[in-house]
Amino acid sequence: MQFQQTCSVSWNLQKQRIGAFAWLHLRWKHLQIAVAMVRGGMEWVKAMRTVPFERRCHVSLLLSEKTTLTAHGMVGWNHAMGDVTVTGQHAFAGGGNFAIQGLPIAKDALNVEAGIDIDIGKSTRLGIKYTGQFSQQSRDNAVKANLSLRF
């Protein structure tokens, strides 16, 4: 079961060949994980709450009638409250109990994203994006390239 509340503020700026859009995003998320059916009902064993705060922006530049270059980025912070490691006790019929533990998420983490997309014609987009999450416990980096064809 997941509950989520969101608050966003955005603004848009347009000039002749350049357009910019930015927004600020705050979200509260509550996640409960069901681990077993107990006499017709779910047993809830873990609750995790996160509060991400993000600042996103993108700027578009019209290069020609059919070509647009868009740069986008995000800087955010994620704060997790409560127990950040998901665990559960399970058993199969006729067998012994066993425990499962997931990987913990960071209590406080800096999130970054930067990328460039280029629209080539009306139906083709080529893009590359970097994402990263940095905390005292871990670092997570990724680069993603994509090619979109719309028809």
N, C-alpha and C. Protein backbone atom coordinates (compact mmCIF):
# COMPACT_ATOMS: atom_id res chain seq x y z
N MET A 1 0.85 -1.16 0.00
CA MET A 1 0.00 0.00 0.00
C MET A 1 0.90 1.23 0.00
N GLN A 2 0.57 2.18 -0.81
CA GLN A 2 1.39 3.38 -0.93
C GLN A 2 0.51 4.62 -0.91
N PHE A 3 0.92 5.59 -0.11
CA PHE A 3 0.26 6.88 -0.07
C PHE A 3 1.27 7.93 -0.52
N GLN A 4 0.81 8.91 -1.25
CA GLN A 4 1.73 9.91 -1.77
C GLN A 4 1.04 11.27 -1.82
N GLN A 5 1.74 12.31 -1.37
CA GLN A 5 1.27 13.68 -1.48
C GLN A 5 2.32 14.47 -2.23
N THR A 6 1.89 15.34 -3.14
CA THR A 6 2.81 16.07 -4.00
C THR A 6 2.46 17.55 -4.04
N CYS A 7 3.48 18.38 -4.08
CA CYS A 7 3.30 19.82 -4.27
C CYS A 7 4.33 20.26 -5.31
N SER A 8 3.89 20.93 -6.37
CA SER A 8 4.80 21.38 -7.42
C SER A 8 4.53 22.83 -7.76
N VAL A 9 5.59 23.55 -8.08
CA VAL A 9 5.51 24.92 -8.56
C VAL A 9 6.33 24.97 -9.84
N SER A 10 5.77 25.58 -10.91
CA SER A 10 6.51 25.64 -12.17
C SER A 10 6.36 27.01 -12.80
N TRP A 11 7.30 27.31 -13.70
CA TRP A 11 7.22 28.55 -14.47
C TRP A 11 7.84 28.31 -15.84
N ASN A 12 7.37 29.09 -16.81
CA ASN A 12 7.74 28.91 -18.21
C ASN A 12 8.19 30.25 -18.78
N LEU A 13 9.26 30.24 -19.56
CA LEU A 13 9.79 31.45 -20.19
C LEU A 13 10.00 31.14 -21.67
N GLN A 14 9.43 31.94 -22.55
CA GLN A 14 9.57 31.73 -23.99
C GLN A 14 10.12 33.00 -24.64
N LYS A 15 11.16 32.85 -25.42
CA LYS A 15 11.69 33.91 -26.27
C LYS A 15 11.62 33.40 -27.71
N GLN A 16 12.19 34.12 -28.66
CA GLN A 16 12.03 33.77 -30.07
C GLN A 16 12.45 32.34 -30.39
N ARG A 17 13.71 31.99 -30.19
CA ARG A 17 14.20 30.66 -30.55
C ARG A 17 14.56 29.82 -29.32
N ILE A 18 14.36 30.38 -28.12
CA ILE A 18 14.76 29.68 -26.89
C ILE A 18 13.55 29.60 -25.97
N GLY A 19 13.33 28.44 -25.38
CA GLY A 19 12.29 28.26 -24.39
C GLY A 19 12.87 27.59 -23.16
N ALA A 20 12.45 28.01 -21.98
CA ALA A 20 12.93 27.42 -20.74
C ALA A 20 11.74 27.09 -19.85
N PHE A 21 11.84 25.98 -19.16
CA PHE A 21 10.79 25.56 -18.25
C PHE A 21 11.46 25.02 -17.00
N ALA A 22 11.00 25.45 -15.84
CA ALA A 22 11.59 24.99 -14.59
C ALA A 22 10.48 24.67 -13.60
N TRP A 23 10.75 23.74 -12.69
CA TRP A 23 9.78 23.46 -11.66
C TRP A 23 10.46 22.95 -10.39
N LEU A 24 9.77 23.14 -9.30
CA LEU A 24 10.20 22.75 -7.97
C LEU A 24 9.19 21.71 -7.49
N HIS A 25 9.66 20.60 -6.94
CA HIS A 25 8.79 19.48 -6.64
C HIS A 25 9.09 18.97 -5.23
N LEU A 26 8.07 18.85 -4.40
CA LEU A 26 8.19 18.27 -3.06
C LEU A 26 7.15 17.17 -2.94
N ARG A 27 7.58 15.99 -2.47
CA ARG A 27 6.67 14.86 -2.39
C ARG A 27 6.90 14.12 -1.07
N TRP A 28 5.82 13.67 -0.46
CA TRP A 28 5.89 12.82 0.72
C TRP A 28 5.32 11.47 0.32
N LYS A 29 6.06 10.40 0.57
CA LYS A 29 5.63 9.07 0.15
C LYS A 29 5.69 8.13 1.35
N HIS A 30 4.61 7.39 1.56
CA HIS A 30 4.53 6.39 2.62
C HIS A 30 4.29 5.04 1.96
N LEU A 31 5.15 4.08 2.20
CA LEU A 31 5.06 2.77 1.57
C LEU A 31 4.96 1.71 2.65
N GLN A 32 3.95 0.86 2.58
CA GLN A 32 3.84 -0.29 3.46
C GLN A 32 3.92 -1.54 2.59
N ILE A 33 4.62 -2.53 3.08
CA ILE A 33 4.84 -3.74 2.30
C ILE A 33 4.10 -4.90 2.96
N ALA A 34 3.24 -5.56 2.21
CA ALA A 34 2.50 -6.71 2.71
C ALA A 34 3.36 -7.95 2.51
N VAL A 35 3.48 -8.76 3.54
CA VAL A 35 4.33 -9.93 3.40
C VAL A 35 3.58 -11.24 3.46
N ALA A 36 2.38 -11.29 4.01
CA ALA A 36 1.71 -12.57 4.11
C ALA A 36 0.20 -12.39 4.26
N MET A 37 -0.53 -13.41 3.85
CA MET A 37 -1.96 -13.45 4.13
C MET A 37 -2.14 -14.12 5.49
N VAL A 38 -2.83 -13.45 6.38
CA VAL A 38 -3.04 -14.00 7.72
C VAL A 38 -4.54 -14.08 7.96
N ARG A 39 -5.10 -15.29 7.94
CA ARG A 39 -6.53 -15.52 8.19
C ARG A 39 -7.41 -14.56 7.41
N GLY A 40 -7.19 -14.47 6.11
CA GLY A 40 -8.03 -13.65 5.25
C GLY A 40 -7.64 -12.19 5.16
N GLY A 41 -6.60 -11.76 5.85
CA GLY A 41 -6.17 -10.36 5.80
C GLY A 41 -4.68 -10.27 5.54
N MET A 42 -4.23 -9.08 5.18
CA MET A 42 -2.80 -8.88 4.91
C MET A 42 -2.10 -8.50 6.21
N GLU A 43 -0.91 -9.01 6.41
CA GLU A 43 -0.09 -8.61 7.54
C GLU A 43 0.93 -7.60 7.03
N TRP A 44 0.90 -6.39 7.58
CA TRP A 44 1.82 -5.33 7.16
C TRP A 44 2.99 -5.31 8.13
N VAL A 45 4.20 -5.46 7.63
CA VAL A 45 5.33 -5.53 8.55
C VAL A 45 6.30 -4.37 8.42
N LYS A 46 6.34 -3.70 7.32
CA LYS A 46 7.31 -2.63 7.14
C LYS A 46 6.63 -1.38 6.64
N ALA A 47 7.06 -0.26 7.15
CA ALA A 47 6.60 1.03 6.66
C ALA A 47 7.83 1.88 6.40
N MET A 48 7.89 2.49 5.24
CA MET A 48 9.02 3.34 4.88
C MET A 48 8.47 4.66 4.38
N ARG A 49 9.06 5.75 4.82
CA ARG A 49 8.62 7.08 4.39
C ARG A 49 9.80 7.80 3.77
N THR A 50 9.57 8.43 2.62
CA THR A 50 10.62 9.23 1.98
C THR A 50 10.07 10.60 1.64
N VAL A 51 10.95 11.59 1.70
CA VAL A 51 10.59 12.96 1.34
C VAL A 51 11.61 13.45 0.32
N PRO A 52 11.31 13.34 -0.99
CA PRO A 52 12.23 13.88 -1.99
C PRO A 52 11.91 15.35 -2.30
N PHE A 53 12.93 16.12 -2.54
CA PHE A 53 12.81 17.52 -2.91
C PHE A 53 13.62 17.69 -4.19
N GLU A 54 12.98 18.13 -5.29
CA GLU A 54 13.66 18.20 -6.59
C GLU A 54 13.51 19.57 -7.20
N ARG A 55 14.53 19.97 -7.92
CA ARG A 55 14.52 21.21 -8.71
C ARG A 55 14.90 20.80 -10.12
N ARG A 56 13.94 20.85 -11.06
CA ARG A 56 14.17 20.44 -12.45
C ARG A 56 14.11 21.65 -13.37
N CYS A 57 14.82 21.53 -14.49
CA CYS A 57 14.84 22.61 -15.45
C CYS A 57 15.15 22.03 -16.83
N HIS A 58 14.55 22.60 -17.87
CA HIS A 58 14.98 22.26 -19.22
C HIS A 58 14.92 23.51 -20.09
N VAL A 59 15.86 23.56 -21.02
CA VAL A 59 15.99 24.69 -21.95
C VAL A 59 16.01 24.12 -23.36
N SER A 60 15.16 24.67 -24.23
CA SER A 60 15.09 24.21 -25.62
C SER A 60 15.57 25.31 -26.56
N LEU A 61 16.31 24.92 -27.57
CA LEU A 61 16.83 25.85 -28.57
C LEU A 61 16.40 25.34 -29.94
N LEU A 62 15.68 26.16 -30.68
CA LEU A 62 15.23 25.81 -32.03
C LEU A 62 16.38 26.07 -33.00
N LEU A 63 16.97 24.99 -33.53
CA LEU A 63 18.11 25.11 -34.44
C LEU A 63 17.66 25.34 -35.88
N SER A 64 16.59 24.70 -36.26
CA SER A 64 16.00 24.88 -37.59
C SER A 64 14.52 24.55 -37.48
N GLU A 65 13.81 24.55 -38.60
CA GLU A 65 12.39 24.23 -38.57
C GLU A 65 12.10 22.85 -38.02
N LYS A 66 12.98 21.90 -38.29
CA LYS A 66 12.74 20.51 -37.90
C LYS A 66 13.67 20.02 -36.79
N THR A 67 14.59 20.86 -36.31
CA THR A 67 15.57 20.41 -35.34
C THR A 67 15.54 21.27 -34.08
N THR A 68 15.33 20.61 -32.93
CA THR A 68 15.31 21.29 -31.64
C THR A 68 16.29 20.58 -30.71
N LEU A 69 17.12 21.35 -30.02
CA LEU A 69 18.06 20.83 -29.03
C LEU A 69 17.52 21.19 -27.65
N THR A 70 17.40 20.21 -26.78
CA THR A 70 16.89 20.43 -25.43
C THR A 70 17.89 19.91 -24.42
N ALA A 71 18.30 20.77 -23.50
CA ALA A 71 19.16 20.39 -22.37
C ALA A 71 18.28 20.35 -21.13
N HIS A 72 18.44 19.32 -20.32
CA HIS A 72 17.63 19.21 -19.11
C HIS A 72 18.47 18.73 -17.95
N GLY A 73 18.04 19.10 -16.75
CA GLY A 73 18.78 18.71 -15.57
C GLY A 73 17.89 18.69 -14.34
N MET A 74 18.39 18.06 -13.29
CA MET A 74 17.67 17.97 -12.03
C MET A 74 18.69 17.87 -10.91
N VAL A 75 18.42 18.58 -9.83
CA VAL A 75 19.17 18.44 -8.58
C VAL A 75 18.13 18.18 -7.51
N GLY A 76 18.33 17.16 -6.70
CA GLY A 76 17.35 16.83 -5.69
C GLY A 76 18.00 16.22 -4.46
N TRP A 77 17.21 16.13 -3.42
CA TRP A 77 17.64 15.54 -2.17
C TRP A 77 16.53 14.62 -1.71
N ASN A 78 16.89 13.44 -1.23
CA ASN A 78 15.92 12.47 -0.74
C ASN A 78 16.23 12.13 0.70
N HIS A 79 15.23 12.25 1.57
CA HIS A 79 15.37 11.92 2.98
C HIS A 79 14.42 10.78 3.32
N ALA A 80 14.95 9.70 3.86
CA ALA A 80 14.13 8.55 4.24
C ALA A 80 13.99 8.53 5.76
N MET A 81 12.79 8.24 6.21
CA MET A 81 12.51 8.19 7.65
C MET A 81 12.15 6.77 8.04
N GLY A 82 12.44 6.44 9.28
CA GLY A 82 12.10 5.12 9.78
C GLY A 82 13.13 4.09 9.36
N ASP A 83 12.74 2.83 9.40
CA ASP A 83 13.62 1.74 9.03
C ASP A 83 13.77 1.72 7.52
N VAL A 84 14.98 1.76 7.03
CA VAL A 84 15.22 1.83 5.59
C VAL A 84 15.59 0.49 4.97
N THR A 85 15.56 -0.58 5.77
CA THR A 85 15.83 -1.92 5.27
C THR A 85 14.56 -2.75 5.38
N VAL A 86 14.13 -3.34 4.28
CA VAL A 86 12.93 -4.16 4.26
C VAL A 86 13.31 -5.59 4.63
N THR A 87 12.64 -6.14 5.64
CA THR A 87 12.88 -7.52 6.06
C THR A 87 11.55 -8.23 6.20
N GLY A 88 11.57 -9.54 6.15
CA GLY A 88 10.34 -10.32 6.32
C GLY A 88 10.67 -11.74 6.74
N GLN A 89 9.79 -12.32 7.56
CA GLN A 89 9.89 -13.72 7.98
C GLN A 89 8.87 -14.51 7.18
N HIS A 90 9.28 -15.62 6.59
CA HIS A 90 8.40 -16.43 5.75
C HIS A 90 8.56 -17.90 6.10
N ALA A 91 7.60 -18.70 5.64
CA ALA A 91 7.68 -20.16 5.80
C ALA A 91 6.84 -20.81 4.73
N PHE A 92 7.32 -21.94 4.21
CA PHE A 92 6.53 -22.76 3.30
C PHE A 92 5.80 -23.82 4.13
N ALA A 93 4.71 -24.31 3.60
CA ALA A 93 3.96 -25.35 4.31
C ALA A 93 4.87 -26.54 4.57
N GLY A 94 4.94 -26.97 5.82
CA GLY A 94 5.75 -28.13 6.18
C GLY A 94 7.23 -27.82 6.32
N GLY A 95 7.64 -26.58 6.16
CA GLY A 95 9.06 -26.23 6.25
C GLY A 95 9.33 -25.27 7.40
N GLY A 96 10.58 -24.97 7.60
CA GLY A 96 10.98 -24.05 8.65
C GLY A 96 10.88 -22.60 8.20
N ASN A 97 10.99 -21.70 9.15
CA ASN A 97 10.97 -20.26 8.86
C ASN A 97 12.28 -19.82 8.22
N PHE A 98 12.19 -18.79 7.40
CA PHE A 98 13.39 -18.18 6.84
C PHE A 98 13.15 -16.69 6.71
N ALA A 99 14.23 -15.92 6.70
CA ALA A 99 14.14 -14.46 6.64
C ALA A 99 14.65 -13.96 5.30
N ILE A 100 14.04 -12.90 4.82
CA ILE A 100 14.49 -12.22 3.60
C ILE A 100 14.75 -10.77 3.96
N GLN A 101 15.87 -10.24 3.50
CA GLN A 101 16.21 -8.84 3.76
C GLN A 101 16.61 -8.17 2.45
N GLY A 102 16.00 -7.01 2.18
CA GLY A 102 16.34 -6.25 0.99
C GLY A 102 17.51 -5.31 1.25
N LEU A 103 17.98 -4.68 0.22
CA LEU A 103 19.04 -3.71 0.37
C LEU A 103 18.48 -2.42 0.96
N PRO A 104 19.19 -1.81 1.90
CA PRO A 104 18.68 -0.56 2.48
C PRO A 104 18.84 0.61 1.51
N ILE A 105 17.93 1.58 1.64
CA ILE A 105 18.09 2.80 0.89
C ILE A 105 18.81 3.81 1.79
N ALA A 106 19.43 4.79 1.20
CA ALA A 106 20.19 5.79 1.96
C ALA A 106 19.23 6.69 2.74
N LYS A 107 19.62 7.06 3.96
CA LYS A 107 18.80 7.99 4.77
C LYS A 107 18.75 9.36 4.12
N ASP A 108 19.88 9.85 3.64
CA ASP A 108 19.96 11.15 2.97
C ASP A 108 20.81 10.98 1.72
N ALA A 109 20.28 11.42 0.58
CA ALA A 109 21.01 11.24 -0.68
C ALA A 109 20.80 12.45 -1.59
N LEU A 110 21.87 12.82 -2.28
CA LEU A 110 21.82 13.85 -3.31
C LEU A 110 21.56 13.17 -4.64
N ASN A 111 20.56 13.63 -5.38
CA ASN A 111 20.22 13.09 -6.70
C ASN A 111 20.53 14.14 -7.76
N VAL A 112 21.20 13.73 -8.84
CA VAL A 112 21.49 14.64 -9.95
C VAL A 112 21.14 13.95 -11.26
N GLU A 113 20.80 14.78 -12.25
CA GLU A 113 20.48 14.28 -13.58
C GLU A 113 20.82 15.38 -14.59
N ALA A 114 21.41 15.01 -15.69
CA ALA A 114 21.72 15.97 -16.76
C ALA A 114 21.65 15.22 -18.09
N GLY A 115 21.08 15.89 -19.09
CA GLY A 115 20.98 15.24 -20.38
C GLY A 115 20.72 16.21 -21.51
N ILE A 116 20.87 15.69 -22.72
CA ILE A 116 20.63 16.46 -23.94
C ILE A 116 19.80 15.58 -24.87
N ASP A 117 18.75 16.19 -25.45
CA ASP A 117 17.92 15.53 -26.46
C ASP A 117 17.94 16.40 -27.71
N ILE A 118 17.94 15.76 -28.87
CA ILE A 118 17.85 16.49 -30.12
C ILE A 118 16.73 15.87 -30.95
N ASP A 119 15.77 16.70 -31.33
CA ASP A 119 14.69 16.27 -32.22
C ASP A 119 15.17 16.43 -33.65
N ILE A 120 15.17 15.33 -34.37
CA ILE A 120 15.61 15.32 -35.76
C ILE A 120 14.37 15.04 -36.60
N GLY A 121 13.82 16.06 -37.19
CA GLY A 121 12.57 15.90 -37.92
C GLY A 121 11.39 15.85 -36.96
N LYS A 122 10.23 15.48 -37.49
CA LYS A 122 9.01 15.46 -36.69
C LYS A 122 8.87 14.21 -35.84
N SER A 123 9.54 13.14 -36.20
CA SER A 123 9.27 11.87 -35.54
C SER A 123 10.49 11.18 -34.92
N THR A 124 11.65 11.80 -34.88
CA THR A 124 12.84 11.15 -34.38
C THR A 124 13.50 12.00 -33.30
N ARG A 125 13.87 11.35 -32.21
CA ARG A 125 14.58 12.03 -31.11
C ARG A 125 15.74 11.16 -30.66
N LEU A 126 16.89 11.78 -30.49
CA LEU A 126 18.10 11.12 -30.01
C LEU A 126 18.49 11.81 -28.71
N GLY A 127 18.80 11.02 -27.67
CA GLY A 127 19.13 11.63 -26.39
C GLY A 127 20.15 10.85 -25.61
N ILE A 128 20.81 11.54 -24.69
CA ILE A 128 21.74 10.92 -23.76
C ILE A 128 21.54 11.59 -22.41
N LYS A 129 21.60 10.78 -21.32
CA LYS A 129 21.31 11.29 -19.99
C LYS A 129 22.21 10.63 -18.96
N TYR A 130 22.67 11.41 -17.99
CA TYR A 130 23.43 10.91 -16.85
C TYR A 130 22.56 11.06 -15.60
N THR A 131 22.53 10.04 -14.75
CA THR A 131 21.86 10.14 -13.45
C THR A 131 22.82 9.65 -12.38
N GLY A 132 22.74 10.27 -11.22
CA GLY A 132 23.58 9.86 -10.11
C GLY A 132 22.88 10.08 -8.78
N GLN A 133 23.20 9.21 -7.82
CA GLN A 133 22.71 9.36 -6.45
C GLN A 133 23.91 9.15 -5.54
N PHE A 134 24.10 10.11 -4.64
CA PHE A 134 25.29 10.10 -3.78
C PHE A 134 24.87 10.23 -2.32
N SER A 135 25.40 9.33 -1.50
CA SER A 135 25.16 9.39 -0.06
C SER A 135 26.43 8.96 0.65
N GLN A 136 26.41 8.99 1.97
CA GLN A 136 27.60 8.56 2.72
C GLN A 136 27.84 7.07 2.56
N GLN A 137 26.76 6.30 2.37
CA GLN A 137 26.89 4.85 2.28
C GLN A 137 27.13 4.33 0.86
N SER A 138 26.70 5.06 -0.15
CA SER A 138 26.78 4.50 -1.50
C SER A 138 26.84 5.58 -2.57
N ARG A 139 27.18 5.13 -3.76
CA ARG A 139 27.17 5.97 -4.95
C ARG A 139 26.53 5.15 -6.07
N ASP A 140 25.68 5.80 -6.85
CA ASP A 140 25.00 5.11 -7.95
C ASP A 140 25.08 6.02 -9.16
N ASN A 141 25.67 5.55 -10.25
CA ASN A 141 25.83 6.34 -11.47
C ASN A 141 25.30 5.54 -12.65
N ALA A 142 24.70 6.26 -13.60
CA ALA A 142 24.19 5.60 -14.80
C ALA A 142 24.21 6.58 -15.97
N VAL A 143 24.45 6.05 -17.16
CA VAL A 143 24.35 6.82 -18.40
C VAL A 143 23.37 6.07 -19.29
N LYS A 144 22.42 6.81 -19.86
CA LYS A 144 21.40 6.19 -20.70
C LYS A 144 21.33 6.94 -22.02
N ALA A 145 21.36 6.20 -23.11
CA ALA A 145 21.17 6.80 -24.44
C ALA A 145 19.88 6.21 -25.01
N ASN A 146 19.15 7.04 -25.77
CA ASN A 146 17.93 6.52 -26.37
C ASN A 146 17.71 7.12 -27.75
N LEU A 147 17.00 6.37 -28.55
CA LEU A 147 16.56 6.76 -29.87
C LEU A 147 15.08 6.48 -29.95
N SER A 148 14.27 7.52 -30.16
CA SER A 148 12.81 7.38 -30.21
C SER A 148 12.34 7.67 -31.63
N LEU A 149 11.52 6.77 -32.14
CA LEU A 149 10.89 6.93 -33.44
C LEU A 149 9.39 6.93 -33.22
N ARG A 150 8.71 8.00 -33.58
CA ARG A 150 7.26 8.09 -33.42
C ARG A 150 6.60 7.88 -34.79
N PHE A 151 5.59 7.06 -34.80
CA PHE A 151 4.86 6.81 -36.06
C PHE A 151 3.40 6.62 -35.79
